[in-house]
C-alpha cells in the first residue's frame, strides 16, 4: 500500500479524479481525520472537508502503482 496527499478543491477535480481511478481494479481509500471513505465514491468524497489536503491510500504494488501515480499527477501535493 502507498499513501500520497492529494487536493480535490473543486467539483471538476473530484469528477475527473473519480473517473481516472475508477479505471483501476484495486481499492483506493481517502482518509481525512477519522473518516475513511471509498475514493471511487463521489458522494463519499463530497462528505469530506475538501479545503484541506487528503491522504489517499492506494492498495497495489509494482508496475500498477507507476500507472496510478501517472494518472494522479494533477491531484498530488508535493511533499
N, C-alpha and C. Protein backbone atom coordinates (compact mmCIF):
# COMPACT_ATOMS: atom_id res chain seq x y z
N UNK A 1 0.85 -1.19 0.00
CA UNK A 1 0.00 0.00 0.00
C UNK A 1 0.88 1.24 0.00
N UNK A 2 0.48 2.22 -0.78
CA UNK A 2 1.18 3.51 -0.86
C UNK A 2 0.21 4.61 -0.42
N UNK A 3 0.72 5.60 0.32
CA UNK A 3 -0.11 6.73 0.73
C UNK A 3 0.48 8.01 0.17
N UNK A 4 -0.37 8.83 -0.47
CA UNK A 4 0.03 10.13 -1.00
C UNK A 4 -0.98 11.17 -0.56
N UNK A 5 -0.59 12.43 -0.60
CA UNK A 5 -1.53 13.51 -0.28
C UNK A 5 -2.01 14.13 -1.58
N UNK A 6 -3.33 14.35 -1.65
CA UNK A 6 -3.92 14.94 -2.85
C UNK A 6 -4.79 16.14 -2.45
N UNK A 7 -5.11 16.93 -3.45
CA UNK A 7 -6.00 18.07 -3.28
C UNK A 7 -7.16 17.92 -4.26
N UNK A 8 -8.38 17.98 -3.73
CA UNK A 8 -9.60 17.91 -4.55
C UNK A 8 -10.46 19.12 -4.21
N UNK A 9 -9.98 20.31 -4.58
CA UNK A 9 -10.61 21.55 -4.13
C UNK A 9 -11.62 22.14 -5.11
N UNK A 10 -12.08 21.34 -6.09
CA UNK A 10 -13.15 21.82 -6.98
C UNK A 10 -14.01 20.64 -7.42
N UNK A 11 -15.23 20.94 -7.83
CA UNK A 11 -16.15 19.89 -8.27
C UNK A 11 -15.59 19.17 -9.49
N UNK A 12 -15.02 19.92 -10.43
CA UNK A 12 -14.45 19.30 -11.63
C UNK A 12 -13.29 18.37 -11.28
N UNK A 13 -12.46 18.79 -10.33
CA UNK A 13 -11.35 17.94 -9.90
C UNK A 13 -11.86 16.63 -9.32
N UNK A 14 -12.91 16.69 -8.52
CA UNK A 14 -13.47 15.48 -7.91
C UNK A 14 -14.00 14.56 -9.00
N UNK A 15 -14.76 15.10 -9.95
CA UNK A 15 -15.31 14.26 -11.03
C UNK A 15 -14.20 13.62 -11.86
N UNK A 16 -13.21 14.40 -12.23
CA UNK A 16 -12.10 13.87 -13.04
C UNK A 16 -11.29 12.83 -12.26
N UNK A 17 -11.09 13.08 -10.98
CA UNK A 17 -10.35 12.14 -10.12
C UNK A 17 -11.07 10.79 -10.06
N UNK A 18 -12.37 10.82 -9.78
CA UNK A 18 -13.14 9.57 -9.67
C UNK A 18 -13.14 8.83 -11.01
N UNK A 19 -13.32 9.54 -12.11
CA UNK A 19 -13.27 8.90 -13.43
C UNK A 19 -11.91 8.26 -13.69
N UNK A 20 -10.84 8.93 -13.29
CA UNK A 20 -9.49 8.43 -13.55
C UNK A 20 -9.20 7.17 -12.74
N UNK A 21 -9.54 7.16 -11.44
CA UNK A 21 -9.18 5.99 -10.63
C UNK A 21 -10.16 4.84 -10.79
N UNK A 22 -11.35 5.11 -11.30
CA UNK A 22 -12.33 4.03 -11.49
C UNK A 22 -11.90 3.04 -12.56
N UNK A 23 -10.93 3.41 -13.37
CA UNK A 23 -10.42 2.51 -14.41
C UNK A 23 -9.55 1.40 -13.84
N UNK A 24 -9.12 1.55 -12.58
CA UNK A 24 -8.27 0.54 -11.94
C UNK A 24 -9.12 -0.42 -11.11
N UNK A 25 -8.69 -1.69 -11.06
CA UNK A 25 -9.48 -2.74 -10.39
C UNK A 25 -9.22 -2.84 -8.89
N UNK A 26 -8.22 -2.18 -8.38
CA UNK A 26 -7.92 -2.29 -6.95
C UNK A 26 -8.54 -1.14 -6.17
N UNK A 27 -8.38 -1.18 -4.84
CA UNK A 27 -9.06 -0.23 -3.96
C UNK A 27 -8.24 1.02 -3.69
N UNK A 28 -8.96 2.11 -3.49
CA UNK A 28 -8.40 3.40 -3.08
C UNK A 28 -9.24 3.89 -1.90
N UNK A 29 -8.58 4.36 -0.84
CA UNK A 29 -9.29 4.93 0.30
C UNK A 29 -8.83 6.37 0.50
N UNK A 30 -9.76 7.25 0.81
CA UNK A 30 -9.42 8.62 1.20
C UNK A 30 -9.56 8.72 2.70
N UNK A 31 -8.54 9.30 3.34
CA UNK A 31 -8.53 9.43 4.79
C UNK A 31 -8.45 10.90 5.15
N UNK A 32 -9.45 11.36 5.90
CA UNK A 32 -9.48 12.74 6.36
C UNK A 32 -9.87 12.71 7.82
N UNK A 33 -8.89 12.97 8.69
CA UNK A 33 -9.15 12.87 10.12
C UNK A 33 -9.49 11.44 10.49
N UNK A 34 -10.65 11.23 11.09
CA UNK A 34 -11.04 9.87 11.49
C UNK A 34 -11.93 9.20 10.45
N UNK A 35 -12.18 9.86 9.33
CA UNK A 35 -13.04 9.31 8.30
C UNK A 35 -12.23 8.62 7.21
N UNK A 36 -12.67 7.43 6.83
CA UNK A 36 -12.07 6.69 5.73
C UNK A 36 -13.21 6.35 4.76
N UNK A 37 -13.08 6.80 3.52
CA UNK A 37 -14.14 6.54 2.55
C UNK A 37 -13.55 5.95 1.27
N UNK A 38 -14.39 5.30 0.50
CA UNK A 38 -14.01 4.75 -0.80
C UNK A 38 -13.75 5.91 -1.76
N UNK A 39 -12.54 5.98 -2.31
CA UNK A 39 -12.19 7.10 -3.17
C UNK A 39 -12.92 7.08 -4.51
N UNK A 40 -13.58 5.97 -4.83
CA UNK A 40 -14.33 5.88 -6.09
C UNK A 40 -15.77 6.36 -5.92
N UNK A 41 -16.11 6.82 -4.71
CA UNK A 41 -17.46 7.28 -4.41
C UNK A 41 -17.53 8.81 -4.41
N UNK A 42 -18.17 9.36 -5.42
CA UNK A 42 -18.30 10.83 -5.50
C UNK A 42 -19.04 11.36 -4.27
N UNK A 43 -20.12 10.70 -3.89
CA UNK A 43 -20.89 11.15 -2.72
C UNK A 43 -20.03 11.10 -1.45
N UNK A 44 -19.24 10.06 -1.32
CA UNK A 44 -18.35 9.95 -0.17
C UNK A 44 -17.34 11.07 -0.12
N UNK A 45 -16.76 11.40 -1.26
CA UNK A 45 -15.76 12.47 -1.33
C UNK A 45 -16.37 13.80 -0.91
N UNK A 46 -17.60 14.07 -1.36
CA UNK A 46 -18.22 15.34 -1.01
C UNK A 46 -18.62 15.42 0.46
N UNK A 47 -18.53 14.31 1.19
CA UNK A 47 -18.81 14.34 2.63
C UNK A 47 -17.57 14.78 3.42
N UNK A 48 -16.42 14.89 2.74
CA UNK A 48 -15.17 15.29 3.40
C UNK A 48 -14.95 16.79 3.30
N UNK A 49 -14.04 17.30 4.12
CA UNK A 49 -13.61 18.69 4.05
C UNK A 49 -12.58 18.81 2.93
N UNK A 50 -13.00 19.33 1.79
CA UNK A 50 -12.13 19.37 0.62
C UNK A 50 -11.23 20.60 0.58
N UNK A 51 -11.31 21.43 1.60
CA UNK A 51 -10.44 22.61 1.63
C UNK A 51 -9.03 22.26 2.11
N UNK A 52 -8.86 21.06 2.65
CA UNK A 52 -7.56 20.61 3.16
C UNK A 52 -7.04 19.45 2.32
N UNK A 53 -5.72 19.23 2.36
CA UNK A 53 -5.18 18.04 1.67
C UNK A 53 -5.77 16.76 2.29
N UNK A 54 -5.91 15.74 1.47
CA UNK A 54 -6.49 14.46 1.89
C UNK A 54 -5.48 13.36 1.61
N UNK A 55 -5.36 12.40 2.53
CA UNK A 55 -4.49 11.25 2.30
C UNK A 55 -5.21 10.23 1.43
N UNK A 56 -4.53 9.74 0.40
CA UNK A 56 -5.06 8.71 -0.47
C UNK A 56 -4.24 7.44 -0.28
N UNK A 57 -4.89 6.36 0.17
CA UNK A 57 -4.24 5.07 0.30
C UNK A 57 -4.51 4.27 -0.97
N UNK A 58 -3.43 3.84 -1.62
CA UNK A 58 -3.53 3.08 -2.87
C UNK A 58 -3.16 1.64 -2.54
N UNK A 59 -4.09 0.72 -2.76
CA UNK A 59 -3.88 -0.67 -2.38
C UNK A 59 -3.39 -1.50 -3.55
N UNK A 60 -2.13 -1.23 -3.95
CA UNK A 60 -1.48 -2.02 -5.01
C UNK A 60 0.03 -1.85 -4.90
N UNK A 61 0.74 -2.64 -5.66
CA UNK A 61 2.21 -2.61 -5.65
C UNK A 61 2.74 -2.68 -7.08
N UNK A 62 4.04 -2.50 -7.25
CA UNK A 62 4.72 -2.76 -8.51
C UNK A 62 4.35 -1.85 -9.66
N UNK A 63 4.28 -2.44 -10.85
CA UNK A 63 4.09 -1.66 -12.08
C UNK A 63 2.73 -0.96 -12.11
N UNK A 64 1.72 -1.56 -11.48
CA UNK A 64 0.41 -0.91 -11.43
C UNK A 64 0.50 0.42 -10.69
N UNK A 65 1.33 0.47 -9.66
CA UNK A 65 1.50 1.69 -8.88
C UNK A 65 2.05 2.82 -9.74
N UNK A 66 2.97 2.50 -10.64
CA UNK A 66 3.54 3.50 -11.54
C UNK A 66 2.44 4.10 -12.42
N UNK A 67 1.56 3.25 -12.93
CA UNK A 67 0.45 3.72 -13.78
C UNK A 67 -0.47 4.65 -13.00
N UNK A 68 -0.76 4.28 -11.76
CA UNK A 68 -1.64 5.09 -10.92
C UNK A 68 -1.00 6.45 -10.64
N UNK A 69 0.28 6.46 -10.31
CA UNK A 69 0.95 7.71 -9.98
C UNK A 69 0.94 8.67 -11.17
N UNK A 70 1.03 8.13 -12.37
CA UNK A 70 0.97 8.97 -13.58
C UNK A 70 -0.41 9.62 -13.69
N UNK A 71 -1.47 8.86 -13.43
CA UNK A 71 -2.84 9.37 -13.50
C UNK A 71 -3.10 10.40 -12.40
N UNK A 72 -2.46 10.23 -11.24
CA UNK A 72 -2.71 11.09 -10.09
C UNK A 72 -1.93 12.40 -10.11
N UNK A 73 -1.00 12.58 -11.04
CA UNK A 73 -0.14 13.77 -11.05
C UNK A 73 -0.89 15.10 -10.89
N UNK A 74 -2.05 15.31 -11.57
CA UNK A 74 -2.73 16.61 -11.41
C UNK A 74 -3.28 16.86 -10.01
N UNK A 75 -3.38 15.83 -9.19
CA UNK A 75 -4.01 15.96 -7.86
C UNK A 75 -2.99 15.92 -6.73
N UNK A 76 -1.77 15.49 -7.01
CA UNK A 76 -0.77 15.29 -5.96
C UNK A 76 -0.30 16.62 -5.37
N UNK A 77 -0.01 16.58 -4.09
CA UNK A 77 0.60 17.71 -3.39
C UNK A 77 2.05 17.35 -3.17
N UNK A 78 2.95 18.19 -3.65
CA UNK A 78 4.37 17.92 -3.48
C UNK A 78 4.74 17.96 -2.01
N UNK A 79 5.51 16.95 -1.60
CA UNK A 79 5.89 16.87 -0.19
C UNK A 79 7.37 17.05 -0.02
